[in-house]
Amino acid sequence: MLRRFTLTSFALLLLVGMPLQAADWTGWITDEHCAAKGASEGHKGCALKCADGGAALVFYNPADEKVYKLSDQAAAKANVGHKVKVVGTLEGETITVESISEVKAE
């Protein structure tokens, strides 16, 4: 019984203490009001206007069709209207951004 408790406690400590691993996603920067509807180059002007009006910029991931909050609004604003690669860690519905870079057309 004590051995099982010790092993379980050790496993939980490992899981809690593990650092989050960086991941990357490809999609679009848009504003929180339009979200998936604004996932295009043509939406840049509208997204910037909304951002200037106080709306948050978000990341739309077409692979899972979800919208994620972004920790770095300045990097997001610099990449509105472009297909981008976001590198960072996901916690809940927020990506803690390490970098955002434009994905060049093939």
Protein backbone atom coordinates (compact mmCIF):
# COMPACT_ATOMS: atom_id res chain seq x y z
CA MET A 1 0.00 0.00 0.00
CA LEU A 2 2.77 2.44 0.92
CA ARG A 3 4.68 1.53 -2.22
CA ARG A 4 1.64 2.21 -4.43
CA PHE A 5 1.10 5.57 -2.70
CA THR A 6 4.77 6.50 -3.18
CA LEU A 7 4.75 5.57 -6.87
CA THR A 8 1.51 7.46 -7.48
CA SER A 9 2.82 10.54 -5.67
CA PHE A 10 6.06 10.43 -7.66
CA ALA A 11 4.18 10.14 -10.96
CA LEU A 12 1.96 13.11 -10.08
CA LEU A 13 4.98 15.21 -9.15
CA LEU A 14 6.57 14.43 -12.50
CA LEU A 15 3.44 15.44 -14.40
CA VAL A 16 2.96 18.66 -12.47
CA GLY A 17 6.62 19.60 -12.71
CA MET A 18 6.99 18.93 -16.42
CA PRO A 19 7.56 22.08 -18.46
CA LEU A 20 5.13 22.79 -21.27
CA GLN A 21 6.47 21.87 -24.68
CA ALA A 22 6.39 24.43 -27.47
CA ALA A 23 4.22 23.58 -30.45
CA ASP A 24 3.34 25.30 -33.70
CA TRP A 25 0.14 25.97 -35.59
CA THR A 26 -0.59 27.37 -39.05
CA GLY A 27 -3.57 29.62 -39.62
CA TRP A 28 -4.71 33.25 -39.58
CA ILE A 29 -4.58 36.23 -37.26
CA THR A 30 -8.00 37.89 -37.09
CA ASP A 31 -10.05 39.92 -34.63
CA GLU A 32 -12.15 38.36 -31.88
CA HIS A 33 -15.42 39.71 -33.31
CA CYS A 34 -15.10 38.12 -36.76
CA ALA A 35 -12.96 35.13 -35.71
CA ALA A 36 -13.15 32.39 -38.37
CA LYS A 37 -15.05 34.67 -40.79
CA GLY A 38 -12.00 36.96 -40.83
CA ALA A 39 -9.47 34.27 -41.71
CA SER A 40 -8.27 35.77 -44.99
CA GLU A 41 -6.00 38.40 -46.52
CA GLY A 42 -9.02 40.51 -47.44
CA HIS A 43 -10.01 40.94 -43.80
CA LYS A 44 -6.85 42.80 -42.77
CA GLY A 45 -8.34 46.31 -42.78
CA CYS A 46 -11.38 45.30 -40.75
CA ALA A 47 -9.30 43.37 -38.21
CA LEU A 48 -6.93 46.29 -37.71
CA LYS A 49 -9.86 48.69 -37.29
CA CYS A 50 -11.40 46.41 -34.67
CA ALA A 51 -8.04 46.04 -32.90
CA ASP A 52 -7.60 49.81 -32.83
CA GLY A 53 -11.08 49.97 -31.30
CA GLY A 54 -10.08 47.65 -28.45
CA ALA A 55 -10.88 44.19 -29.83
CA ALA A 56 -8.32 41.47 -29.18
CA LEU A 57 -6.52 39.83 -32.06
CA VAL A 58 -6.85 36.05 -32.07
CA PHE A 59 -5.49 33.06 -33.98
CA TYR A 60 -7.84 30.95 -36.11
CA ASN A 61 -6.60 27.41 -36.65
CA PRO A 62 -8.33 25.87 -39.68
CA ALA A 63 -7.02 22.40 -38.75
CA ASP A 64 -9.26 22.15 -35.68
CA GLU A 65 -11.55 25.09 -36.56
CA LYS A 66 -10.89 26.76 -33.20
CA VAL A 67 -10.04 30.31 -32.20
CA TYR A 68 -7.26 30.89 -29.68
CA LYS A 69 -6.34 33.97 -27.66
CA LEU A 70 -2.79 35.24 -28.15
CA SER A 71 -0.49 36.53 -25.42
CA ASP A 72 1.49 38.83 -27.75
CA GLN A 73 -0.87 41.34 -29.34
CA ALA A 74 1.97 43.39 -30.90
CA ALA A 75 3.30 40.37 -32.83
CA ALA A 76 -0.25 39.48 -33.82
CA LYS A 77 -0.94 43.00 -35.12
CA ALA A 78 2.21 42.90 -37.25
CA ASN A 79 0.92 39.74 -38.97
CA VAL A 80 -2.77 40.47 -39.56
CA GLY A 81 -3.87 39.55 -43.07
CA HIS A 82 -1.22 36.88 -43.57
CA LYS A 83 -1.27 33.14 -43.23
CA VAL A 84 1.05 32.59 -40.26
CA LYS A 85 2.89 30.02 -38.22
CA VAL A 86 2.50 30.58 -34.47
CA VAL A 87 5.02 28.95 -32.13
CA GLY A 88 4.27 28.80 -28.44
CA THR A 89 2.61 26.87 -25.65
CA LEU A 90 -1.10 26.24 -25.35
CA GLU A 91 -2.76 26.60 -21.97
CA GLY A 92 -6.53 26.26 -22.15
CA GLU A 93 -7.67 28.53 -24.98
CA THR A 94 -4.62 30.83 -24.91
CA ILE A 95 -1.35 30.49 -26.81
CA THR A 96 1.63 31.98 -25.01
CA VAL A 97 3.45 33.22 -28.10
CA GLU A 98 7.15 32.60 -28.70
CA SER A 99 7.00 33.77 -32.32
CA ILE A 100 4.65 34.54 -35.19
CA SER A 101 5.92 34.40 -38.75
CA GLU A 102 4.31 34.72 -42.14
CA VAL A 103 3.90 31.55 -44.18
CA LYS A 104 4.96 32.21 -47.76
CA ALA A 105 2.67 30.99 -50.53
CA GLU A 106 3.86 27.83 -52.22
